[in-house]
N, C-alpha and C. Protein backbone atom coordinates (compact mmCIF):
# COMPACT_ATOMS: atom_id res chain seq x y z
N MET A 1 36.29 -13.34 -43.52
CA MET A 1 36.99 -13.99 -42.45
C MET A 1 36.05 -14.98 -41.77
N GLU A 2 36.49 -16.18 -41.71
CA GLU A 2 35.70 -17.22 -41.08
C GLU A 2 36.15 -17.46 -39.65
N ILE A 3 35.16 -17.74 -38.81
CA ILE A 3 35.47 -18.06 -37.42
C ILE A 3 35.39 -19.57 -37.28
N THR A 4 36.47 -20.12 -36.77
CA THR A 4 36.51 -21.58 -36.63
C THR A 4 36.01 -21.97 -35.25
N THR A 5 35.76 -23.23 -35.13
CA THR A 5 35.28 -23.77 -33.86
C THR A 5 36.34 -23.60 -32.78
N ALA A 6 37.57 -23.75 -33.13
CA ALA A 6 38.66 -23.61 -32.16
C ALA A 6 38.71 -22.18 -31.62
N GLU A 7 38.49 -21.19 -32.47
CA GLU A 7 38.50 -19.80 -32.03
C GLU A 7 37.32 -19.51 -31.09
N VAL A 8 36.17 -20.07 -31.38
CA VAL A 8 35.00 -19.88 -30.53
C VAL A 8 35.25 -20.51 -29.15
N LEU A 9 35.81 -21.72 -29.15
CA LEU A 9 36.11 -22.38 -27.88
C LEU A 9 37.16 -21.61 -27.09
N LEU A 10 38.16 -21.08 -27.77
CA LEU A 10 39.21 -20.31 -27.11
C LEU A 10 38.64 -19.01 -26.52
N ALA A 11 37.76 -18.34 -27.24
CA ALA A 11 37.13 -17.11 -26.74
C ALA A 11 36.22 -17.42 -25.55
N SER A 12 35.49 -18.52 -25.63
CA SER A 12 34.61 -18.92 -24.52
C SER A 12 35.42 -19.24 -23.27
N ALA A 13 36.53 -19.95 -23.45
CA ALA A 13 37.39 -20.28 -22.31
C ALA A 13 37.97 -19.01 -21.70
N GLY A 14 38.34 -18.06 -22.53
CA GLY A 14 38.87 -16.78 -22.03
C GLY A 14 37.82 -16.02 -21.23
N LEU A 15 36.60 -15.97 -21.73
CA LEU A 15 35.51 -15.30 -21.00
C LEU A 15 35.23 -15.99 -19.67
N LEU A 16 35.28 -17.31 -19.68
CA LEU A 16 35.04 -18.06 -18.46
C LEU A 16 36.14 -17.78 -17.43
N LEU A 17 37.40 -17.75 -17.89
CA LEU A 17 38.50 -17.47 -16.97
C LEU A 17 38.42 -16.06 -16.40
N VAL A 18 38.01 -15.09 -17.20
CA VAL A 18 37.89 -13.72 -16.72
C VAL A 18 36.75 -13.59 -15.72
N SER A 19 35.65 -14.27 -15.99
CA SER A 19 34.47 -14.13 -15.11
C SER A 19 34.47 -15.11 -13.94
N LEU A 20 35.40 -16.05 -13.91
CA LEU A 20 35.43 -17.06 -12.86
C LEU A 20 35.53 -16.47 -11.45
N PRO A 21 36.40 -15.50 -11.16
CA PRO A 21 36.43 -14.95 -9.80
C PRO A 21 35.09 -14.31 -9.39
N TYR A 22 34.43 -13.66 -10.32
CA TYR A 22 33.14 -13.04 -10.02
C TYR A 22 32.07 -14.10 -9.74
N LEU A 23 32.08 -15.16 -10.52
CA LEU A 23 31.11 -16.24 -10.31
C LEU A 23 31.35 -16.93 -8.97
N ILE A 24 32.61 -17.14 -8.62
CA ILE A 24 32.92 -17.76 -7.33
C ILE A 24 32.42 -16.87 -6.19
N HIS A 25 32.65 -15.58 -6.32
CA HIS A 25 32.21 -14.64 -5.29
C HIS A 25 30.69 -14.63 -5.13
N ILE A 26 29.98 -14.71 -6.24
CA ILE A 26 28.52 -14.67 -6.20
C ILE A 26 27.94 -15.95 -5.61
N TYR A 27 28.43 -17.10 -6.03
CA TYR A 27 27.81 -18.36 -5.64
C TYR A 27 28.44 -19.01 -4.41
N GLN A 28 29.51 -18.46 -3.90
CA GLN A 28 30.13 -19.02 -2.71
C GLN A 28 29.22 -18.78 -1.51
N PRO A 29 28.99 -19.80 -0.69
CA PRO A 29 28.13 -19.58 0.48
C PRO A 29 28.77 -18.56 1.41
N ARG A 30 27.96 -17.66 1.84
CA ARG A 30 28.44 -16.57 2.70
C ARG A 30 28.63 -17.09 4.12
N LYS A 31 29.75 -16.75 4.70
CA LYS A 31 29.99 -17.09 6.09
C LYS A 31 29.32 -16.02 6.93
N LYS A 32 28.47 -16.47 7.80
CA LYS A 32 27.78 -15.52 8.67
C LYS A 32 28.67 -15.25 9.87
N ASP A 33 29.06 -14.00 10.01
CA ASP A 33 29.84 -13.61 11.17
C ASP A 33 28.91 -13.55 12.37
N LYS A 34 29.44 -13.98 13.51
CA LYS A 34 28.64 -13.90 14.73
C LYS A 34 28.50 -12.44 15.10
N PRO A 35 27.28 -11.99 15.36
CA PRO A 35 27.10 -10.59 15.71
C PRO A 35 27.84 -10.23 17.00
N ALA A 36 28.11 -8.93 17.14
CA ALA A 36 28.84 -8.45 18.31
C ALA A 36 28.08 -8.75 19.60
N CYS A 37 26.76 -8.71 19.52
CA CYS A 37 25.96 -9.04 20.69
C CYS A 37 24.90 -10.05 20.27
N PRO A 38 24.49 -10.91 21.19
CA PRO A 38 23.45 -11.88 20.83
C PRO A 38 22.13 -11.18 20.57
N ASN A 39 21.26 -11.87 19.84
CA ASN A 39 19.97 -11.23 19.57
C ASN A 39 19.14 -11.14 20.85
N PHE A 40 18.03 -10.47 20.74
CA PHE A 40 17.23 -10.15 21.92
C PHE A 40 16.75 -11.39 22.65
N GLU A 41 16.29 -12.40 21.90
CA GLU A 41 15.78 -13.62 22.52
C GLU A 41 16.88 -14.35 23.27
N GLU A 42 18.06 -14.47 22.64
CA GLU A 42 19.18 -15.14 23.30
C GLU A 42 19.59 -14.39 24.57
N PHE A 43 19.58 -13.08 24.48
CA PHE A 43 19.97 -12.25 25.63
C PHE A 43 19.02 -12.47 26.80
N THR A 44 17.71 -12.45 26.54
CA THR A 44 16.74 -12.63 27.63
C THR A 44 16.80 -14.05 28.19
N GLN A 45 17.02 -15.04 27.33
CA GLN A 45 17.13 -16.41 27.81
C GLN A 45 18.38 -16.60 28.67
N SER A 46 19.47 -15.95 28.28
CA SER A 46 20.70 -16.08 29.06
C SER A 46 20.56 -15.45 30.45
N LYS A 47 19.71 -14.46 30.58
CA LYS A 47 19.46 -13.80 31.87
C LYS A 47 18.29 -14.44 32.62
N ASN A 48 17.70 -15.50 32.03
CA ASN A 48 16.56 -16.21 32.62
C ASN A 48 15.38 -15.26 32.86
N ILE A 49 15.05 -14.49 31.82
CA ILE A 49 13.96 -13.52 31.89
C ILE A 49 12.88 -13.95 30.91
N HIS A 50 11.64 -13.97 31.39
CA HIS A 50 10.49 -14.27 30.53
C HIS A 50 9.71 -12.97 30.33
N LEU A 51 9.72 -12.46 29.12
CA LEU A 51 9.09 -11.16 28.85
C LEU A 51 7.60 -11.32 28.58
N ASP A 52 6.81 -10.53 29.29
CA ASP A 52 5.36 -10.54 29.11
C ASP A 52 4.92 -9.51 28.09
N LYS A 53 5.68 -8.46 27.96
CA LYS A 53 5.33 -7.38 27.03
C LYS A 53 6.61 -6.95 26.31
N VAL A 54 6.57 -6.96 24.97
CA VAL A 54 7.74 -6.61 24.16
C VAL A 54 7.30 -5.67 23.05
N GLN A 55 8.12 -4.67 22.76
CA GLN A 55 7.85 -3.78 21.64
C GLN A 55 9.16 -3.48 20.91
N SER A 56 9.13 -3.65 19.60
CA SER A 56 10.28 -3.31 18.75
C SER A 56 9.84 -2.24 17.78
N TRP A 57 10.75 -1.36 17.43
CA TRP A 57 10.45 -0.33 16.44
C TRP A 57 11.70 -0.03 15.64
N ARG A 58 11.45 0.31 14.38
CA ARG A 58 12.49 0.68 13.42
C ARG A 58 13.54 -0.41 13.22
N ASN A 59 13.25 -1.61 13.62
CA ASN A 59 14.19 -2.72 13.49
C ASN A 59 15.53 -2.36 14.12
N HIS A 60 15.50 -1.47 15.11
CA HIS A 60 16.72 -0.94 15.71
C HIS A 60 16.66 -0.95 17.24
N TYR A 61 15.44 -0.89 17.79
CA TYR A 61 15.26 -0.82 19.24
C TYR A 61 14.26 -1.87 19.69
N THR A 62 14.47 -2.43 20.88
CA THR A 62 13.52 -3.36 21.48
C THR A 62 13.46 -3.09 22.98
N LEU A 63 12.24 -3.09 23.49
CA LEU A 63 12.00 -2.85 24.91
C LEU A 63 11.03 -3.91 25.40
N GLY A 64 11.32 -4.52 26.53
CA GLY A 64 10.44 -5.56 27.06
C GLY A 64 10.44 -5.55 28.57
N ILE A 65 9.41 -6.19 29.14
CA ILE A 65 9.30 -6.22 30.60
C ILE A 65 8.85 -7.60 31.06
N ASP A 66 9.48 -8.05 32.14
CA ASP A 66 9.09 -9.28 32.82
C ASP A 66 8.27 -8.84 34.03
N LEU A 67 6.96 -9.05 33.98
CA LEU A 67 6.07 -8.56 35.03
C LEU A 67 6.25 -9.32 36.34
N GLU A 68 6.60 -10.59 36.26
CA GLU A 68 6.77 -11.39 37.48
C GLU A 68 8.00 -10.95 38.27
N LYS A 69 9.12 -10.77 37.57
CA LYS A 69 10.36 -10.37 38.24
C LYS A 69 10.52 -8.86 38.32
N ASN A 70 9.63 -8.13 37.65
CA ASN A 70 9.65 -6.66 37.63
C ASN A 70 10.97 -6.14 37.05
N ILE A 71 11.33 -6.69 35.87
CA ILE A 71 12.59 -6.35 35.22
C ILE A 71 12.30 -5.79 33.84
N LEU A 72 12.97 -4.69 33.52
CA LEU A 72 12.87 -4.05 32.21
C LEU A 72 14.12 -4.40 31.41
N VAL A 73 13.92 -4.78 30.14
CA VAL A 73 15.04 -5.13 29.25
C VAL A 73 15.00 -4.20 28.05
N TYR A 74 16.15 -3.61 27.73
CA TYR A 74 16.28 -2.68 26.60
C TYR A 74 17.41 -3.17 25.72
N CYS A 75 17.19 -3.09 24.42
CA CYS A 75 18.22 -3.50 23.47
C CYS A 75 18.21 -2.55 22.28
N ARG A 76 19.39 -2.04 21.95
CA ARG A 76 19.56 -1.23 20.74
C ARG A 76 20.49 -2.00 19.83
N HIS A 77 20.03 -2.26 18.61
CA HIS A 77 20.82 -3.00 17.64
C HIS A 77 21.54 -2.00 16.74
N GLY A 78 22.39 -2.48 15.88
CA GLY A 78 23.04 -1.58 14.93
C GLY A 78 24.53 -1.50 15.15
N HIS A 79 25.10 -0.35 14.79
CA HIS A 79 26.55 -0.18 14.84
C HIS A 79 27.09 -0.21 16.27
N PHE A 80 26.36 0.38 17.19
CA PHE A 80 26.78 0.41 18.60
C PHE A 80 25.71 -0.25 19.45
N PRO A 81 25.68 -1.60 19.46
CA PRO A 81 24.62 -2.30 20.18
C PRO A 81 24.73 -2.13 21.69
N VAL A 82 23.56 -2.04 22.32
CA VAL A 82 23.48 -1.90 23.78
C VAL A 82 22.39 -2.85 24.28
N GLN A 83 22.69 -3.57 25.35
CA GLN A 83 21.71 -4.42 25.99
C GLN A 83 21.73 -4.12 27.48
N THR A 84 20.57 -3.78 28.01
CA THR A 84 20.48 -3.33 29.39
C THR A 84 19.35 -4.05 30.11
N VAL A 85 19.61 -4.44 31.35
CA VAL A 85 18.60 -5.03 32.22
C VAL A 85 18.48 -4.12 33.44
N VAL A 86 17.23 -3.71 33.76
CA VAL A 86 17.00 -2.81 34.89
C VAL A 86 15.97 -3.44 35.82
N ASP A 87 16.31 -3.53 37.09
CA ASP A 87 15.38 -4.00 38.11
C ASP A 87 14.49 -2.83 38.51
N LEU A 88 13.21 -2.90 38.16
CA LEU A 88 12.29 -1.78 38.41
C LEU A 88 11.99 -1.56 39.89
N SER A 89 12.28 -2.54 40.73
CA SER A 89 12.06 -2.33 42.16
C SER A 89 13.06 -1.32 42.73
N GLN A 90 14.11 -1.02 41.98
CA GLN A 90 15.11 -0.05 42.43
C GLN A 90 14.90 1.32 41.79
N VAL A 91 13.88 1.44 40.94
CA VAL A 91 13.63 2.70 40.23
C VAL A 91 12.61 3.53 41.02
N ASP A 92 12.92 4.80 41.19
CA ASP A 92 12.03 5.72 41.91
C ASP A 92 10.97 6.31 41.00
N HIS A 93 11.40 6.87 39.87
CA HIS A 93 10.45 7.42 38.91
C HIS A 93 11.07 7.45 37.51
N VAL A 94 10.21 7.71 36.53
CA VAL A 94 10.60 7.72 35.12
C VAL A 94 10.30 9.08 34.53
N SER A 95 11.15 9.53 33.64
CA SER A 95 10.89 10.79 32.93
C SER A 95 11.34 10.66 31.49
N LEU A 96 10.92 11.61 30.68
CA LEU A 96 11.35 11.67 29.28
C LEU A 96 12.33 12.82 29.13
N ASP A 97 13.40 12.57 28.42
CA ASP A 97 14.39 13.61 28.13
C ASP A 97 14.41 13.80 26.63
N SER A 98 14.11 15.01 26.20
CA SER A 98 14.11 15.30 24.76
C SER A 98 14.89 16.58 24.52
N HIS A 99 15.51 16.64 23.37
CA HIS A 99 16.27 17.84 23.01
C HIS A 99 15.85 18.24 21.60
N PHE A 100 15.46 19.49 21.46
CA PHE A 100 15.04 20.03 20.18
C PHE A 100 16.07 21.05 19.70
N ARG A 101 16.18 21.17 18.40
CA ARG A 101 16.99 22.26 17.84
C ARG A 101 16.11 23.07 16.93
N GLU A 102 16.44 24.34 16.84
CA GLU A 102 15.63 25.26 16.06
C GLU A 102 16.15 25.31 14.63
N ILE A 103 15.22 25.18 13.69
CA ILE A 103 15.57 25.25 12.27
C ILE A 103 14.86 26.46 11.69
N LYS A 104 15.62 27.28 11.00
CA LYS A 104 15.03 28.45 10.34
C LYS A 104 14.87 28.12 8.86
N HIS A 105 13.64 28.23 8.41
CA HIS A 105 13.33 28.00 7.01
C HIS A 105 12.59 29.24 6.51
N ARG A 106 13.29 30.01 5.71
CA ARG A 106 12.78 31.31 5.25
C ARG A 106 12.44 32.18 6.45
N GLN A 107 11.20 32.57 6.61
CA GLN A 107 10.79 33.42 7.74
C GLN A 107 10.30 32.58 8.93
N GLU A 108 10.26 31.29 8.76
CA GLU A 108 9.63 30.40 9.74
C GLU A 108 10.69 29.71 10.62
N LYS A 109 10.40 29.58 11.90
CA LYS A 109 11.26 28.84 12.81
C LYS A 109 10.53 27.57 13.24
N ARG A 110 11.23 26.45 13.15
CA ARG A 110 10.64 25.17 13.53
C ARG A 110 11.54 24.47 14.54
N GLN A 111 10.92 23.63 15.34
CA GLN A 111 11.64 22.82 16.30
C GLN A 111 11.76 21.40 15.75
N LYS A 112 12.97 20.85 15.73
CA LYS A 112 13.18 19.49 15.27
C LYS A 112 13.79 18.67 16.40
N LEU A 113 13.20 17.51 16.64
CA LEU A 113 13.65 16.64 17.72
C LEU A 113 14.99 16.02 17.34
N GLU A 114 15.99 16.17 18.22
CA GLU A 114 17.30 15.56 17.99
C GLU A 114 17.40 14.19 18.65
N TYR A 115 16.94 14.11 19.89
CA TYR A 115 16.92 12.81 20.56
C TYR A 115 15.81 12.77 21.59
N LEU A 116 15.40 11.56 21.91
CA LEU A 116 14.35 11.31 22.90
C LEU A 116 14.78 10.10 23.71
N ASP A 117 14.90 10.28 25.01
CA ASP A 117 15.34 9.21 25.90
C ASP A 117 14.32 8.95 26.99
N LEU A 118 14.23 7.71 27.39
CA LEU A 118 13.46 7.31 28.56
C LEU A 118 14.46 7.26 29.71
N VAL A 119 14.27 8.08 30.73
CA VAL A 119 15.24 8.18 31.82
C VAL A 119 14.67 7.55 33.08
N LEU A 120 15.41 6.58 33.62
CA LEU A 120 15.02 5.89 34.84
C LEU A 120 15.84 6.46 35.99
N HIS A 121 15.17 7.02 36.98
CA HIS A 121 15.82 7.61 38.15
C HIS A 121 15.73 6.61 39.30
N PHE A 122 16.86 6.24 39.85
CA PHE A 122 16.91 5.21 40.89
C PHE A 122 16.66 5.79 42.28
N LYS A 123 16.22 4.92 43.18
CA LYS A 123 15.98 5.32 44.57
C LYS A 123 17.28 5.73 45.24
N ASP A 124 18.34 5.01 44.92
CA ASP A 124 19.66 5.33 45.46
C ASP A 124 20.24 6.48 44.64
N SER A 125 20.33 7.65 45.23
CA SER A 125 20.80 8.83 44.49
C SER A 125 22.25 8.72 44.06
N LYS A 126 23.02 7.86 44.71
CA LYS A 126 24.42 7.66 44.32
C LYS A 126 24.54 6.92 43.00
N LYS A 127 23.52 6.17 42.66
CA LYS A 127 23.56 5.34 41.46
C LYS A 127 23.42 6.16 40.18
N GLY A 128 22.80 7.31 40.24
CA GLY A 128 22.59 8.10 39.03
C GLY A 128 21.42 7.58 38.23
N SER A 129 21.11 8.24 37.16
CA SER A 129 19.97 7.82 36.35
C SER A 129 20.45 7.05 35.12
N LYS A 130 19.54 6.24 34.58
CA LYS A 130 19.83 5.42 33.41
C LYS A 130 19.02 5.94 32.24
N SER A 131 19.69 6.26 31.16
CA SER A 131 19.02 6.81 29.98
C SER A 131 18.92 5.74 28.90
N LEU A 132 17.69 5.51 28.42
CA LEU A 132 17.45 4.53 27.36
C LEU A 132 16.99 5.27 26.11
N PRO A 133 17.83 5.37 25.08
CA PRO A 133 17.45 6.11 23.87
C PRO A 133 16.26 5.47 23.15
N ILE A 134 15.28 6.29 22.83
CA ILE A 134 14.11 5.85 22.07
C ILE A 134 14.23 6.34 20.63
N TYR A 135 14.77 7.54 20.46
CA TYR A 135 14.96 8.12 19.13
C TYR A 135 16.26 8.92 19.12
N ASP A 136 17.03 8.77 18.05
CA ASP A 136 18.25 9.54 17.87
C ASP A 136 18.32 9.95 16.41
N GLU A 137 18.34 11.25 16.17
CA GLU A 137 18.34 11.77 14.81
C GLU A 137 19.58 11.34 14.03
N ASP A 138 20.69 11.09 14.72
CA ASP A 138 21.91 10.66 14.04
C ASP A 138 21.76 9.27 13.43
N GLU A 139 20.90 8.44 14.00
CA GLU A 139 20.71 7.09 13.49
C GLU A 139 19.49 6.96 12.58
N VAL A 140 18.43 7.68 12.90
CA VAL A 140 17.20 7.66 12.10
C VAL A 140 16.84 9.11 11.81
N HIS A 141 16.67 9.45 10.55
CA HIS A 141 16.56 10.85 10.18
C HIS A 141 15.16 11.45 10.25
N HIS A 142 14.14 10.63 10.39
CA HIS A 142 12.79 11.19 10.50
C HIS A 142 12.04 10.50 11.64
N LEU A 143 11.22 11.27 12.29
CA LEU A 143 10.46 10.81 13.45
C LEU A 143 9.16 10.16 12.99
N ALA A 144 8.84 9.01 13.54
CA ALA A 144 7.57 8.36 13.22
C ALA A 144 6.70 8.38 14.48
N ASP A 145 6.62 7.27 15.18
CA ASP A 145 5.78 7.21 16.38
C ASP A 145 6.60 7.02 17.65
N GLU A 146 7.87 7.41 17.61
CA GLU A 146 8.73 7.23 18.77
C GLU A 146 8.25 8.01 20.00
N TYR A 147 7.70 9.19 19.79
CA TYR A 147 7.23 9.99 20.92
C TYR A 147 6.08 9.28 21.63
N ALA A 148 5.17 8.70 20.87
CA ALA A 148 4.06 7.94 21.46
C ALA A 148 4.57 6.69 22.18
N ILE A 149 5.56 6.03 21.60
CA ILE A 149 6.15 4.85 22.22
C ILE A 149 6.78 5.22 23.57
N ALA A 150 7.53 6.32 23.58
CA ALA A 150 8.20 6.76 24.80
C ALA A 150 7.18 7.12 25.89
N LYS A 151 6.13 7.85 25.52
CA LYS A 151 5.11 8.23 26.51
C LYS A 151 4.40 6.99 27.06
N LYS A 152 4.09 6.05 26.18
CA LYS A 152 3.39 4.83 26.60
C LYS A 152 4.23 4.03 27.58
N TRP A 153 5.52 3.83 27.26
CA TRP A 153 6.39 3.06 28.14
C TRP A 153 6.66 3.81 29.45
N ALA A 154 6.80 5.12 29.38
CA ALA A 154 7.03 5.90 30.60
C ALA A 154 5.85 5.77 31.55
N SER A 155 4.63 5.89 31.03
CA SER A 155 3.45 5.77 31.90
C SER A 155 3.28 4.33 32.39
N PHE A 156 3.57 3.35 31.54
CA PHE A 156 3.46 1.94 31.95
C PHE A 156 4.45 1.63 33.07
N ILE A 157 5.69 2.07 32.91
CA ILE A 157 6.71 1.82 33.93
C ILE A 157 6.37 2.57 35.22
N GLN A 158 5.92 3.80 35.08
CA GLN A 158 5.56 4.58 36.28
C GLN A 158 4.42 3.92 37.04
N ASN A 159 3.44 3.38 36.31
CA ASN A 159 2.34 2.65 36.96
C ASN A 159 2.85 1.39 37.65
N ARG A 160 3.80 0.69 37.03
CA ARG A 160 4.40 -0.51 37.63
C ARG A 160 5.12 -0.15 38.92
N ILE A 161 5.84 0.96 38.88
CA ILE A 161 6.59 1.40 40.06
C ILE A 161 5.63 1.82 41.17
N SER A 162 4.59 2.56 40.80
CA SER A 162 3.62 3.06 41.80
C SER A 162 2.86 1.93 42.46
N THR A 163 2.43 0.94 41.67
CA THR A 163 1.66 -0.16 42.24
C THR A 163 2.54 -1.13 43.00
N ALA A 164 3.85 -1.09 42.78
CA ALA A 164 4.74 -1.99 43.51
C ALA A 164 4.79 -1.63 44.99
N TYR A 165 4.50 -0.37 45.32
CA TYR A 165 4.54 0.07 46.71
C TYR A 165 3.25 -0.22 47.46
N LEU A 166 2.18 -0.49 46.74
CA LEU A 166 0.90 -0.73 47.39
C LEU A 166 0.90 -2.11 48.06
N PRO A 167 0.48 -2.20 49.30
CA PRO A 167 0.43 -3.51 49.95
C PRO A 167 -0.73 -4.32 49.37
N GLU A 168 -0.55 -5.62 49.37
CA GLU A 168 -1.61 -6.49 48.87
C GLU A 168 -2.71 -6.60 49.92
N LEU A 169 -3.94 -6.58 49.46
CA LEU A 169 -5.08 -6.73 50.37
C LEU A 169 -5.28 -8.21 50.66
N GLN A 170 -5.53 -8.51 51.92
CA GLN A 170 -5.77 -9.90 52.30
C GLN A 170 -7.13 -9.98 52.98
N TRP A 171 -7.78 -11.09 52.77
CA TRP A 171 -9.09 -11.31 53.38
C TRP A 171 -8.93 -11.62 54.86
N ALA A 172 -9.81 -11.05 55.65
CA ALA A 172 -9.80 -11.36 57.09
C ALA A 172 -10.40 -12.74 57.30
N VAL A 173 -9.81 -13.48 58.20
CA VAL A 173 -10.27 -14.84 58.43
C VAL A 173 -11.15 -14.92 59.64
């Protein structure tokens, strides 16, 4: 049985027609959907905040502070994005909130961190406290350096709050 040129061309055209939708899908320029929330830089610019210190971790959380305006900015990216601006002059103190669950493995009992939050307690007791998640086991399954990040930011914020109450020294004339 001989294959003619017409049969080869017909088979090639058939293959092209079958694969055409897949090729269009692959090479078609992707339309970028606008994210549900603006990125961190756009958010801070829209609020007219200049951040002096910024830290991001796990490509999921960002925390920054404007030292001049004494404002803390928190952003959580992902499925449920959150963007928060907190005026530190209204914060009384900072604490860490962590919840552990017990895991039994054979004869051994271990504690596993479920979540870790940075909690800002306001001077106005009617306002309630503001919780900023640093680690959530539901979103990230293993702990890296989140505990150190939370402790560092808690002490930094507490120092900012404590020094905000100190009067400035002035030279006698």
